[in-house]
Amino acid sequence: MNSMSITLIIPFMLGWLAGWLVNYLADVLPVTRRLSQPRCPLCGVPFTVQDYLFFRPCANNHPRRIRLWVVQVIITALSIYSWVSPPSKIGYFLGLILLIYFGVIFVIDLEHRLILHPTSIFGAALGLVVGIIAHGGNSPSFWGRISPTLLGGLGGLLIMLAFYFLGVLFARFRAKRMRTLGQEPDDEEALGSGDVILVAVLGLIVGWPLIWLCLLYGILLGGLVSLFIFLWLIVSGRYKTSALMTFIPYGPYFIFTAGLIVYFPRLLAMIVPD
C-alpha cells in the first residue's frame, strides 16, 4: 500500500463519521427537535447504539432506509475529494463541517419540507466564519474584510423575501383552487420562512455577488425538476387534481448550487458563461 492510499484512509474515516452524523441528525431533529435516541420510522421502536451504528434492522426487524447508505457513500466520497482538492481558503476541516451542515439541511428538507430553527442558527454562525475566511481577502479595513459576507447574506435575504411574498399570493390562489375542486385547503407554502433564512445563510457562505448565481441555478434546477413532475402528472392523468397541489422543497437545490460554488468552482466555471 503506497503513501497516497494510506493518507486517504483519514478522509475516508472522517467522511464516514460525517455521513453517520448527517444521518443521525436527519433522523432525530425533525421528530424531537433535539439530540435524542433514534427510533425506527416504521414502528417507533428505539434503536440500540450497536444496531444504529451498524445499520442493522430495528427490534421488529424493519430494514433500514436506503437513504442511510446513499448519504454515507456521497459524504465519504466528497470528504475524499475535499482532502485531495480542498475548498479554496477554508481548507479541508472547515469544509467538512460545512459539508455536514449542507447534508443535514438537504436531507431534512427533502424528506420533511422543513428547515429547522436550530440548524438555521448554527448555519448563520458557520456562514459568518466561512464567509469571512473565504471572502475577507487582504483588505486593511474591518469593513473591507467582512462586507462581501454581510452583503451576500443581506442580498440573499432581500431577494428571497420578494419570492416569499409572491409565494404567499400563490398559496392563496392554490387554496382557492382546492376549494373549487372540493378539497380542504392545507397549510402548504410555496416558500417558507426557513427557505428565506437558508438563502441568507448561503449568502454569507458564498458572498456577494455569487449569491445571485446560487439563487439562479437553484431556481432553474428546481424548475427543471418541477417540469418533470408536471409531465409525469399529465402522463399519469392526475394533472387536473394535482398540478397545483404539488410543491417541491427548494432548499436542496439551493444547497446543491452552493455546494458547486464552494467545492467545485472549476466545474462551475465551465458551465457559467463569461
Protein backbone atom coordinates (compact mmCIF):
# COMPACT_ATOMS: atom_id res chain seq x y z
CA MET A 1 0.00 0.00 0.00
CA ASN A 2 1.55 3.31 -1.11
CA SER A 3 1.65 6.51 0.95
CA MET A 4 -1.24 8.08 -1.01
CA SER A 5 -3.55 5.16 -0.20
CA ILE A 6 -2.59 5.34 3.47
CA THR A 7 -3.23 9.09 3.54
CA LEU A 8 -6.71 8.65 2.02
CA ILE A 9 -7.71 6.49 4.98
CA ILE A 10 -8.02 9.71 7.02
CA PRO A 11 -10.64 11.44 4.83
CA PHE A 12 -12.39 8.10 4.33
CA MET A 13 -12.83 7.61 8.08
CA LEU A 14 -13.72 11.25 8.72
CA GLY A 15 -16.16 11.19 5.79
CA TRP A 16 -17.81 8.01 7.09
CA LEU A 17 -18.22 9.60 10.53
CA ALA A 18 -19.57 12.77 8.92
CA GLY A 19 -22.09 10.74 6.92
CA TRP A 20 -23.18 8.92 10.08
CA LEU A 21 -23.67 12.29 11.83
CA VAL A 22 -25.74 13.62 8.93
CA ASN A 23 -27.94 10.52 9.04
CA TYR A 24 -28.35 10.72 12.81
CA LEU A 25 -29.30 14.41 12.82
CA ALA A 26 -31.67 13.90 9.88
CA ASP A 27 -33.34 11.06 11.80
CA VAL A 28 -33.86 12.76 15.16
CA LEU A 29 -34.11 16.53 14.63
CA PRO A 30 -37.36 16.53 12.59
CA VAL A 31 -39.00 14.27 15.18
CA THR A 32 -37.79 15.56 18.55
CA ARG A 33 -36.08 18.89 17.66
CA ARG A 34 -33.15 17.82 19.87
CA LEU A 35 -30.41 15.22 20.14
CA SER A 36 -32.17 12.05 21.20
CA GLN A 37 -32.26 8.29 20.77
CA PRO A 38 -33.15 7.43 17.16
CA ARG A 39 -36.26 5.35 16.55
CA CYS A 40 -37.46 3.19 13.70
CA PRO A 41 -39.57 5.37 11.38
CA LEU A 42 -41.91 2.45 10.68
CA CYS A 43 -42.75 1.23 14.18
CA GLY A 44 -41.24 3.77 16.56
CA VAL A 45 -39.09 1.25 18.43
CA PRO A 46 -35.84 2.84 19.67
CA PHE A 47 -32.60 1.55 18.16
CA THR A 48 -29.82 0.25 20.33
CA VAL A 49 -26.49 2.00 19.85
CA GLN A 50 -24.98 -1.06 18.18
CA ASP A 51 -27.91 -1.58 15.80
CA TYR A 52 -27.95 2.08 14.79
CA LEU A 53 -24.20 2.37 14.30
CA PHE A 54 -24.03 -0.74 12.12
CA PHE A 55 -27.25 -0.07 10.18
CA ARG A 56 -28.98 -3.17 11.47
CA PRO A 57 -32.79 -3.62 11.37
CA CYS A 58 -34.83 -2.49 14.37
CA ALA A 59 -36.05 -4.88 17.07
CA ASN A 60 -39.15 -5.61 14.93
CA ASN A 61 -36.87 -6.49 12.01
CA HIS A 62 -37.78 -3.50 9.84
CA PRO A 63 -34.91 -2.84 7.40
CA ARG A 64 -33.09 0.47 7.40
CA ARG A 65 -33.80 3.04 4.71
CA ILE A 66 -31.67 3.17 1.56
CA ARG A 67 -31.09 6.87 2.30
CA LEU A 68 -28.58 5.96 5.01
CA TRP A 69 -26.28 4.21 2.56
CA VAL A 70 -26.69 6.90 -0.10
CA VAL A 71 -25.69 9.60 2.38
CA GLN A 72 -22.73 7.56 3.67
CA VAL A 73 -21.35 7.00 0.17
CA ILE A 74 -21.84 10.58 -1.04
CA ILE A 75 -20.44 12.28 2.08
CA THR A 76 -17.46 9.91 2.20
CA ALA A 77 -16.72 10.48 -1.49
CA LEU A 78 -16.95 14.27 -1.05
CA SER A 79 -14.69 14.05 2.00
CA ILE A 80 -12.01 12.27 -0.03
CA TYR A 81 -12.41 14.75 -2.89
CA SER A 82 -12.09 17.70 -0.49
CA TRP A 83 -8.98 16.15 1.01
CA VAL A 84 -7.36 15.89 -2.42
CA SER A 85 -8.71 19.26 -3.61
CA PRO A 86 -9.57 21.36 -0.52
CA PRO A 87 -12.12 24.18 -0.85
CA SER A 88 -10.35 27.44 -1.58
CA LYS A 89 -9.18 29.32 1.55
CA ILE A 90 -11.39 27.47 4.06
CA GLY A 91 -9.46 24.19 3.82
CA TYR A 92 -10.49 20.59 4.39
CA PHE A 93 -11.63 20.55 8.02
CA LEU A 94 -13.84 23.64 7.91
CA GLY A 95 -15.06 22.39 4.54
CA LEU A 96 -16.04 19.08 6.16
CA ILE A 97 -18.08 20.87 8.85
CA LEU A 98 -19.80 22.86 6.11
CA LEU A 99 -20.46 19.62 4.21
CA ILE A 100 -22.18 18.16 7.30
CA TYR A 101 -24.37 21.26 7.55
CA PHE A 102 -25.26 21.07 3.85
CA GLY A 103 -26.07 17.37 4.18
CA VAL A 104 -28.37 17.81 7.18
CA ILE A 105 -30.32 20.64 5.54
CA PHE A 106 -30.55 18.75 2.23
CA VAL A 107 -31.89 15.51 3.71
CA ILE A 108 -34.33 17.04 6.21
CA ASP A 109 -35.83 19.47 3.70
CA LEU A 110 -36.09 16.78 1.02
CA GLU A 111 -37.83 14.32 3.33
CA HIS A 112 -39.90 16.63 5.55
CA ARG A 113 -40.01 20.02 3.80
CA LEU A 114 -38.58 21.52 6.98
CA ILE A 115 -35.72 23.89 7.68
CA LEU A 116 -35.42 23.89 11.44
CA HIS A 117 -34.53 26.92 13.57
CA PRO A 118 -31.62 25.21 15.39
CA THR A 119 -29.97 24.38 12.06
CA SER A 120 -30.59 27.95 10.86
CA ILE A 121 -28.90 29.42 13.94
CA PHE A 122 -25.95 27.07 13.57
CA GLY A 123 -25.82 27.83 9.85
CA ALA A 124 -25.72 31.59 10.44
CA ALA A 125 -22.77 31.25 12.83
CA LEU A 126 -20.97 28.85 10.49
CA GLY A 127 -21.76 31.05 7.48
CA LEU A 128 -20.16 34.07 9.13
CA VAL A 129 -16.99 32.14 9.90
CA VAL A 130 -16.77 30.55 6.45
CA GLY A 131 -17.65 33.79 4.67
CA ILE A 132 -15.13 35.95 6.50
CA ILE A 133 -12.35 33.42 5.93
CA ALA A 134 -13.28 32.85 2.29
CA HIS A 135 -14.01 36.42 1.24
CA GLY A 136 -12.06 38.55 3.72
CA GLY A 137 -9.08 38.94 1.43
CA ASN A 138 -6.25 41.28 2.38
CA SER A 139 -8.28 44.41 2.93
CA PRO A 140 -6.73 46.61 5.66
CA SER A 141 -10.14 47.67 6.99
CA PHE A 142 -12.54 45.56 9.03
CA TRP A 143 -15.46 46.53 6.77
CA GLY A 144 -13.49 45.55 3.69
CA ARG A 145 -12.91 42.07 5.14
CA ILE A 146 -16.50 41.48 6.25
CA SER A 147 -18.55 43.37 3.64
CA PRO A 148 -18.70 40.64 0.92
CA THR A 149 -20.04 38.20 3.52
CA LEU A 150 -22.63 40.55 5.04
CA LEU A 151 -23.74 41.86 1.65
CA GLY A 152 -24.16 38.28 0.43
CA GLY A 153 -26.35 37.46 3.42
CA LEU A 154 -28.38 40.65 3.09
CA GLY A 155 -28.76 40.20 -0.67
CA GLY A 156 -29.96 36.62 -0.26
CA LEU A 157 -32.41 37.68 2.46
CA LEU A 158 -33.98 40.52 0.46
CA ILE A 159 -34.23 38.55 -2.79
CA MET A 160 -35.85 35.60 -1.05
CA LEU A 161 -38.26 37.86 0.85
CA ALA A 162 -39.58 39.06 -2.51
CA PHE A 163 -40.03 35.45 -3.67
CA TYR A 164 -41.60 34.57 -0.31
CA PHE A 165 -44.36 37.17 -0.66
CA LEU A 166 -45.02 36.01 -4.22
CA GLY A 167 -45.31 32.51 -2.82
CA VAL A 168 -47.87 33.71 -0.26
CA LEU A 169 -50.03 35.05 -3.09
CA PHE A 170 -49.70 31.77 -4.97
CA ALA A 171 -50.60 29.78 -1.84
CA ARG A 172 -53.82 31.79 -1.54
CA PHE A 173 -54.66 31.09 -5.17
CA ARG A 174 -53.88 27.41 -4.60
CA ALA A 175 -56.18 27.26 -1.56
CA LYS A 176 -58.99 28.80 -3.60
CA ARG A 177 -58.38 26.27 -6.37
CA MET A 178 -58.51 23.40 -3.87
CA ARG A 179 -61.88 24.59 -2.54
CA THR A 180 -63.17 24.72 -6.12
CA LEU A 181 -62.14 21.08 -6.54
CA GLY A 182 -63.89 20.16 -3.30
CA GLN A 183 -60.68 19.63 -1.35
CA GLU A 184 -59.84 21.00 2.07
CA PRO A 185 -57.00 23.57 1.84
CA ASP A 186 -53.84 22.71 3.73
CA ASP A 187 -51.07 24.85 5.16
CA GLU A 188 -48.54 24.15 2.42
CA GLU A 189 -46.42 27.09 1.29
CA ALA A 190 -44.59 27.61 -1.98
CA LEU A 191 -41.68 29.01 0.03
CA GLY A 192 -41.42 29.01 3.80
CA SER A 193 -39.62 31.34 6.15
CA GLY A 194 -36.97 28.64 6.53
CA ASP A 195 -36.13 28.98 2.83
CA VAL A 196 -35.62 32.72 3.30
CA ILE A 197 -33.27 32.16 6.24
CA LEU A 198 -31.43 29.39 4.38
CA VAL A 199 -30.67 31.61 1.39
CA ALA A 200 -29.48 34.37 3.74
CA VAL A 201 -27.11 31.83 5.32
CA LEU A 202 -25.92 30.69 1.89
CA GLY A 203 -25.36 34.35 1.03
CA LEU A 204 -22.98 34.60 3.99
CA ILE A 205 -21.15 31.50 2.77
CA VAL A 206 -20.77 32.26 -0.95
CA GLY A 207 -20.72 36.05 -0.54
CA TRP A 208 -21.72 38.84 -2.85
CA PRO A 209 -22.30 38.69 -5.80
CA LEU A 210 -22.15 34.88 -6.05
CA ILE A 211 -25.42 34.57 -4.13
CA TRP A 212 -27.12 35.68 -7.36
CA LEU A 213 -25.61 32.70 -9.17
CA CYS A 214 -26.56 30.36 -6.33
CA LEU A 215 -30.19 31.51 -6.48
CA LEU A 216 -30.40 31.49 -10.25
CA TYR A 217 -29.10 27.96 -10.70
CA GLY A 218 -31.07 26.70 -7.71
CA ILE A 219 -34.31 28.07 -9.14
CA LEU A 220 -33.52 26.72 -12.61
CA LEU A 221 -32.72 23.29 -11.23
CA GLY A 222 -35.87 23.27 -9.10
CA GLY A 223 -37.87 24.40 -12.13
CA LEU A 224 -36.44 21.55 -14.20
CA VAL A 225 -37.48 19.02 -11.58
CA SER A 226 -40.92 20.66 -11.41
CA LEU A 227 -41.21 20.29 -15.17
CA PHE A 228 -40.56 16.55 -14.92
CA ILE A 229 -43.17 16.29 -12.13
CA PHE A 230 -45.63 18.26 -14.28
CA LEU A 231 -45.05 15.93 -17.27
CA TRP A 232 -45.46 12.89 -15.03
CA LEU A 233 -48.78 14.25 -13.73
CA ILE A 234 -50.00 14.70 -17.31
CA VAL A 235 -48.93 11.19 -18.34
CA SER A 236 -50.49 9.64 -15.23
CA GLY A 237 -53.75 11.54 -15.73
CA ARG A 238 -53.51 13.37 -12.40
CA TYR A 239 -52.87 16.84 -13.79
CA LYS A 240 -56.32 18.31 -13.11
CA THR A 241 -56.35 17.31 -9.45
CA SER A 242 -52.67 17.51 -8.57
CA ALA A 243 -50.87 20.05 -10.72
CA LEU A 244 -51.38 22.99 -8.38
CA MET A 245 -51.32 20.85 -5.26
CA THR A 246 -47.71 19.68 -5.54
CA PHE A 247 -44.97 21.80 -4.03
CA ILE A 248 -41.32 20.85 -4.09
CA PRO A 249 -38.74 21.80 -1.45
CA TYR A 250 -36.32 24.33 -2.90
CA GLY A 251 -33.75 24.05 -0.11
CA PRO A 252 -31.95 21.03 -1.63
CA TYR A 253 -31.48 22.85 -4.94
CA PHE A 254 -30.02 25.93 -3.26
CA ILE A 255 -27.74 23.68 -1.22
CA PHE A 256 -26.67 21.86 -4.39
CA THR A 257 -25.70 25.05 -6.22
CA ALA A 258 -23.95 26.47 -3.14
CA GLY A 259 -22.03 23.20 -2.94
CA LEU A 260 -20.92 23.63 -6.55
CA ILE A 261 -19.66 27.13 -5.79
CA VAL A 262 -17.73 26.06 -2.69
CA TYR A 263 -16.40 22.61 -3.65
CA PHE A 264 -16.39 22.56 -7.46
CA PRO A 265 -15.51 26.08 -8.65
CA ARG A 266 -13.70 24.73 -11.73
CA LEU A 267 -16.76 22.76 -12.83
CA LEU A 268 -18.93 25.80 -12.24
CA ALA A 269 -16.57 27.95 -14.31
CA MET A 270 -17.05 25.53 -17.22
CA ILE A 271 -20.85 25.84 -17.23
CA VAL A 272 -21.14 29.54 -16.42
CA PRO A 273 -20.59 31.79 -19.43
CA ASP A 274 -18.07 34.62 -19.11
